[in-house]
Amino acid sequence: MITVFEMLKTTAANYALYRQTRNEIANLPAHIALDLGIYPGDAERIAREAVYGKAA
């Protein structure tokens, strides 16, 4: 059984990973983002899907 502390710890770790991923995508140089087919304006959506999974 998961404790409240474990749940909070997991939530905090996921949020930290989301923020790091979002920031890295948003700060990609334009030529690299273009090569990868990524629009930096979609950084929040891409990071959310990467960390939390795609919403059904």
PDB file of N, CA and C in Angstrom:
ATOM      1  N   MET A   1       0.831  -1.181   0.000  1.00  0.00           N
ATOM      2  CA  MET A   1       0.000   0.000   0.000  1.00  0.00           C
ATOM      3  C   MET A   1       0.876   1.244   0.000  1.00  0.00           C
ATOM      4  N   ILE A   2       0.552   2.174  -0.870  1.00  0.00           N
ATOM      5  CA  ILE A   2       1.346   3.395  -0.983  1.00  0.00           C
ATOM      6  C   ILE A   2       0.948   4.373   0.126  1.00  0.00           C
ATOM      7  N   THR A   3       1.947   4.940   0.757  1.00  0.00           N
ATOM      8  CA  THR A   3       1.667   5.893   1.821  1.00  0.00           C
ATOM      9  C   THR A   3       1.538   7.293   1.225  1.00  0.00           C
ATOM     10  N   VAL A   4       0.989   8.186   2.005  1.00  0.00           N
ATOM     11  CA  VAL A   4       0.841   9.570   1.551  1.00  0.00           C
ATOM     12  C   VAL A   4       2.212  10.164   1.267  1.00  0.00           C
ATOM     13  N   PHE A   5       3.182   9.865   2.101  1.00  0.00           N
ATOM     14  CA  PHE A   5       4.529  10.378   1.894  1.00  0.00           C
ATOM     15  C   PHE A   5       5.105   9.890   0.569  1.00  0.00           C
ATOM     16  N   GLU A   6       4.936   8.619   0.254  1.00  0.00           N
ATOM     17  CA  GLU A   6       5.442   8.075  -1.012  1.00  0.00           C
ATOM     18  C   GLU A   6       4.738   8.717  -2.193  1.00  0.00           C
ATOM     19  N   MET A   7       3.438   8.958  -2.070  1.00  0.00           N
ATOM     20  CA  MET A   7       2.683   9.589  -3.141  1.00  0.00           C
ATOM     21  C   MET A   7       3.176  11.019  -3.377  1.00  0.00           C
ATOM     22  N   LEU A   8       3.402  11.768  -2.305  1.00  0.00           N
ATOM     23  CA  LEU A   8       3.903  13.136  -2.429  1.00  0.00           C
ATOM     24  C   LEU A   8       5.309  13.160  -3.026  1.00  0.00           C
ATOM     25  N   LYS A   9       6.119  12.212  -2.607  1.00  0.00           N
ATOM     26  CA  LYS A   9       7.487  12.121  -3.125  1.00  0.00           C
ATOM     27  C   LYS A   9       7.472  11.834  -4.633  1.00  0.00           C
ATOM     28  N   THR A  10       6.619  10.920  -5.062  1.00  0.00           N
ATOM     29  CA  THR A  10       6.494  10.595  -6.483  1.00  0.00           C
ATOM     30  C   THR A  10       5.965  11.778  -7.267  1.00  0.00           C
ATOM     31  N   THR A  11       4.965  12.453  -6.722  1.00  0.00           N
ATOM     32  CA  THR A  11       4.391  13.620  -7.389  1.00  0.00           C
ATOM     33  C   THR A  11       5.435  14.717  -7.549  1.00  0.00           C
ATOM     34  N   ALA A  12       6.211  14.974  -6.527  1.00  0.00           N
ATOM     35  CA  ALA A  12       7.248  15.999  -6.583  1.00  0.00           C
ATOM     36  C   ALA A  12       8.326  15.633  -7.597  1.00  0.00           C
ATOM     37  N   ALA A  13       8.718  14.380  -7.634  1.00  0.00           N
ATOM     38  CA  ALA A  13       9.741  13.938  -8.593  1.00  0.00           C
ATOM     39  C   ALA A  13       9.231  14.067 -10.024  1.00  0.00           C
ATOM     40  N   ASN A  14       7.982  13.694 -10.259  1.00  0.00           N
ATOM     41  CA  ASN A  14       7.406  13.821 -11.600  1.00  0.00           C
ATOM     42  C   ASN A  14       7.321  15.279 -12.034  1.00  0.00           C
ATOM     43  N   TYR A  15       6.931  16.157 -11.109  1.00  0.00           N
ATOM     44  CA  TYR A  15       6.823  17.567 -11.445  1.00  0.00           C
ATOM     45  C   TYR A  15       8.203  18.158 -11.753  1.00  0.00           C
ATOM     46  N   ALA A  16       9.210  17.769 -11.002  1.00  0.00           N
ATOM     47  CA  ALA A  16      10.568  18.249 -11.266  1.00  0.00           C
ATOM     48  C   ALA A  16      11.032  17.781 -12.648  1.00  0.00           C
ATOM     49  N   LEU A  17      10.735  16.540 -12.995  1.00  0.00           N
ATOM     50  CA  LEU A  17      11.101  16.018 -14.309  1.00  0.00           C
ATOM     51  C   LEU A  17      10.337  16.751 -15.413  1.00  0.00           C
ATOM     52  N   TYR A  18       9.054  17.037 -15.182  1.00  0.00           N
ATOM     53  CA  TYR A  18       8.253  17.788 -16.146  1.00  0.00           C
ATOM     54  C   TYR A  18       8.863  19.169 -16.383  1.00  0.00           C
ATOM     55  N   ARG A  19       9.195  19.880 -15.305  1.00  0.00           N
ATOM     56  CA  ARG A  19       9.767  21.231 -15.446  1.00  0.00           C
ATOM     57  C   ARG A  19      11.093  21.203 -16.183  1.00  0.00           C
ATOM     58  N   GLN A  20      11.935  20.236 -15.855  1.00  0.00           N
ATOM     59  CA  GLN A  20      13.232  20.142 -16.515  1.00  0.00           C
ATOM     60  C   GLN A  20      13.048  19.852 -18.006  1.00  0.00           C
ATOM     61  N   THR A  21      12.181  18.929 -18.325  1.00  0.00           N
ATOM     62  CA  THR A  21      11.926  18.569 -19.726  1.00  0.00           C
ATOM     63  C   THR A  21      11.345  19.755 -20.485  1.00  0.00           C
ATOM     64  N   ARG A  22      10.366  20.424 -19.884  1.00  0.00           N
ATOM     65  CA  ARG A  22       9.735  21.589 -20.517  1.00  0.00           C
ATOM     66  C   ARG A  22      10.763  22.679 -20.788  1.00  0.00           C
ATOM     67  N   ASN A  23      11.613  22.963 -19.818  1.00  0.00           N
ATOM     68  CA  ASN A  23      12.617  24.011 -19.979  1.00  0.00           C
ATOM     69  C   ASN A  23      13.638  23.657 -21.054  1.00  0.00           C
ATOM     70  N   GLU A  24      14.051  22.402 -21.098  1.00  0.00           N
ATOM     71  CA  GLU A  24      15.020  22.002 -22.108  1.00  0.00           C
ATOM     72  C   GLU A  24      14.442  22.099 -23.513  1.00  0.00           C
ATOM     73  N   ILE A  25      13.196  21.698 -23.680  1.00  0.00           N
ATOM     74  CA  ILE A  25      12.557  21.789 -24.997  1.00  0.00           C
ATOM     75  C   ILE A  25      12.370  23.244 -25.391  1.00  0.00           C
ATOM     76  N   ALA A  26      11.899  24.064 -24.468  1.00  0.00           N
ATOM     77  CA  ALA A  26      11.639  25.477 -24.763  1.00  0.00           C
ATOM     78  C   ALA A  26      12.919  26.236 -25.101  1.00  0.00           C
ATOM     79  N   ASN A  27      14.043  25.778 -24.582  1.00  0.00           N
ATOM     80  CA  ASN A  27      15.303  26.484 -24.797  1.00  0.00           C
ATOM     81  C   ASN A  27      16.185  25.864 -25.879  1.00  0.00           C
ATOM     82  N   LEU A  28      15.631  24.935 -26.642  1.00  0.00           N
ATOM     83  CA  LEU A  28      16.410  24.358 -27.744  1.00  0.00           C
ATOM     84  C   LEU A  28      16.730  25.434 -28.770  1.00  0.00           C
ATOM     85  N   PRO A  29      17.942  25.427 -29.301  1.00  0.00           N
ATOM     86  CA  PRO A  29      18.228  26.334 -30.414  1.00  0.00           C
ATOM     87  C   PRO A  29      17.294  26.018 -31.587  1.00  0.00           C
ATOM     88  N   ALA A  30      16.935  27.047 -32.332  1.00  0.00           N
ATOM     89  CA  ALA A  30      15.951  26.908 -33.411  1.00  0.00           C
ATOM     90  C   ALA A  30      16.346  25.849 -34.436  1.00  0.00           C
ATOM     91  N   HIS A  31      17.614  25.796 -34.806  1.00  0.00           N
ATOM     92  CA  HIS A  31      18.024  24.842 -35.841  1.00  0.00           C
ATOM     93  C   HIS A  31      17.941  23.392 -35.348  1.00  0.00           C
ATOM     94  N   ILE A  32      18.191  23.173 -34.084  1.00  0.00           N
ATOM     95  CA  ILE A  32      18.084  21.817 -33.539  1.00  0.00           C
ATOM     96  C   ILE A  32      16.619  21.415 -33.418  1.00  0.00           C
ATOM     97  N   ALA A  33      15.787  22.330 -32.919  1.00  0.00           N
ATOM     98  CA  ALA A  33      14.354  22.042 -32.809  1.00  0.00           C
ATOM     99  C   ALA A  33      13.775  21.722 -34.186  1.00  0.00           C
ATOM    100  N   LEU A  34      14.178  22.468 -35.186  1.00  0.00           N
ATOM    101  CA  LEU A  34      13.699  22.230 -36.554  1.00  0.00           C
ATOM    102  C   LEU A  34      14.143  20.863 -37.046  1.00  0.00           C
ATOM    103  N   ASP A  35      15.381  20.500 -36.792  1.00  0.00           N
ATOM    104  CA  ASP A  35      15.880  19.180 -37.194  1.00  0.00           C
ATOM    105  C   ASP A  35      15.105  18.050 -36.517  1.00  0.00           C
ATOM    106  N   LEU A  36      14.687  18.271 -35.275  1.00  0.00           N
ATOM    107  CA  LEU A  36      13.958  17.245 -34.531  1.00  0.00           C
ATOM    108  C   LEU A  36      12.454  17.277 -34.812  1.00  0.00           C
ATOM    109  N   GLY A  37      11.997  18.297 -35.517  1.00  0.00           N
ATOM    110  CA  GLY A  37      10.575  18.424 -35.807  1.00  0.00           C
ATOM    111  C   GLY A  37       9.775  18.857 -34.591  1.00  0.00           C
ATOM    112  N   ILE A  38      10.407  19.655 -33.736  1.00  0.00           N
ATOM    113  CA  ILE A  38       9.770  20.114 -32.501  1.00  0.00           C
ATOM    114  C   ILE A  38       9.549  21.616 -32.583  1.00  0.00           C
ATOM    115  N   TYR A  39       8.352  22.052 -32.215  1.00  0.00           N
ATOM    116  CA  TYR A  39       8.061  23.470 -32.085  1.00  0.00           C
ATOM    117  C   TYR A  39       8.196  23.820 -30.611  1.00  0.00           C
ATOM    118  N   PRO A  40       9.141  24.705 -30.243  1.00  0.00           N
ATOM    119  CA  PRO A  40       9.359  25.028 -28.831  1.00  0.00           C
ATOM    120  C   PRO A  40       8.108  25.549 -28.118  1.00  0.00           C
ATOM    121  N   GLY A  41       7.156  26.100 -28.845  1.00  0.00           N
ATOM    122  CA  GLY A  41       5.917  26.562 -28.241  1.00  0.00           C
ATOM    123  C   GLY A  41       5.067  25.418 -27.702  1.00  0.00           C
ATOM    124  N   ASP A  42       5.333  24.200 -28.157  1.00  0.00           N
ATOM    125  CA  ASP A  42       4.623  23.018 -27.683  1.00  0.00           C
ATOM    126  C   ASP A  42       5.345  22.334 -26.525  1.00  0.00           C
ATOM    127  N   ALA A  43       6.298  23.022 -25.922  1.00  0.00           N
ATOM    128  CA  ALA A  43       7.126  22.418 -24.875  1.00  0.00           C
ATOM    129  C   ALA A  43       6.293  21.886 -23.717  1.00  0.00           C
ATOM    130  N   GLU A  44       5.281  22.628 -23.300  1.00  0.00           N
ATOM    131  CA  GLU A  44       4.462  22.177 -22.172  1.00  0.00           C
ATOM    132  C   GLU A  44       3.732  20.881 -22.497  1.00  0.00           C
ATOM    133  N   ARG A  45       3.134  20.814 -23.667  1.00  0.00           N
ATOM    134  CA  ARG A  45       2.394  19.612 -24.065  1.00  0.00           C
ATOM    135  C   ARG A  45       3.323  18.416 -24.212  1.00  0.00           C
ATOM    136  N   ILE A  46       4.453  18.620 -24.874  1.00  0.00           N
ATOM    137  CA  ILE A  46       5.405  17.534 -25.100  1.00  0.00           C
ATOM    138  C   ILE A  46       5.933  17.004 -23.767  1.00  0.00           C
ATOM    139  N   ALA A  47       6.305  17.919 -22.869  1.00  0.00           N
ATOM    140  CA  ALA A  47       6.836  17.506 -21.563  1.00  0.00           C
ATOM    141  C   ALA A  47       5.766  16.787 -20.743  1.00  0.00           C
ATOM    142  N   ARG A  48       4.548  17.299 -20.771  1.00  0.00           N
ATOM    143  CA  ARG A  48       3.456  16.665 -20.012  1.00  0.00           C
ATOM    144  C   ARG A  48       3.219  15.240 -20.493  1.00  0.00           C
ATOM    145  N   GLU A  49       3.182  15.058 -21.817  1.00  0.00           N
ATOM    146  CA  GLU A  49       2.965  13.721 -22.368  1.00  0.00           C
ATOM    147  C   GLU A  49       4.140  12.795 -22.069  1.00  0.00           C
ATOM    148  N   ALA A  50       5.348  13.337 -22.082  1.00  0.00           N
ATOM    149  CA  ALA A  50       6.535  12.525 -21.810  1.00  0.00           C
ATOM    150  C   ALA A  50       6.577  12.036 -20.362  1.00  0.00           C
ATOM    151  N   VAL A  51       6.177  12.888 -19.442  1.00  0.00           N
ATOM    152  CA  VAL A  51       6.269  12.545 -18.021  1.00  0.00           C
ATOM    153  C   VAL A  51       5.022  11.813 -17.516  1.00  0.00           C
ATOM    154  N   TYR A  52       3.858  12.327 -17.878  1.00  0.00           N
ATOM    155  CA  TYR A  52       2.617  11.816 -17.308  1.00  0.00           C
ATOM    156  C   TYR A  52       1.857  10.855 -18.245  1.00  0.00           C
ATOM    157  N   GLY A  53       2.285  10.789 -19.499  1.00  0.00           N
ATOM    158  CA  GLY A  53       1.601   9.946 -20.461  1.00  0.00           C
ATOM    159  C   GLY A  53       0.568  10.740 -21.240  1.00  0.00           C
ATOM    160  N   LYS A  54       0.139  10.175 -22.327  1.00  0.00           N
ATOM    161  CA  LYS A  54      -0.819  10.865 -23.186  1.00  0.00           C
ATOM    162  C   LYS A  54      -2.228  10.687 -22.628  1.00  0.00           C
ATOM    163  N   ALA A  55      -2.970  11.789 -22.578  1.00  0.00           N
ATOM    164  CA  ALA A  55      -4.345  11.742 -22.077  1.00  0.00           C
ATOM    165  C   ALA A  55      -5.230  10.997 -23.068  1.00  0.00           C
ATOM    166  N   ALA A  56      -6.133  10.230 -22.546  1.00  0.00           N
ATOM    167  CA  ALA A  56      -7.024   9.445 -23.409  1.00  0.00           C
ATOM    168  C   ALA A  56      -8.202  10.245 -23.863  1.00  0.00           C
TER     169      ALA A  56
END
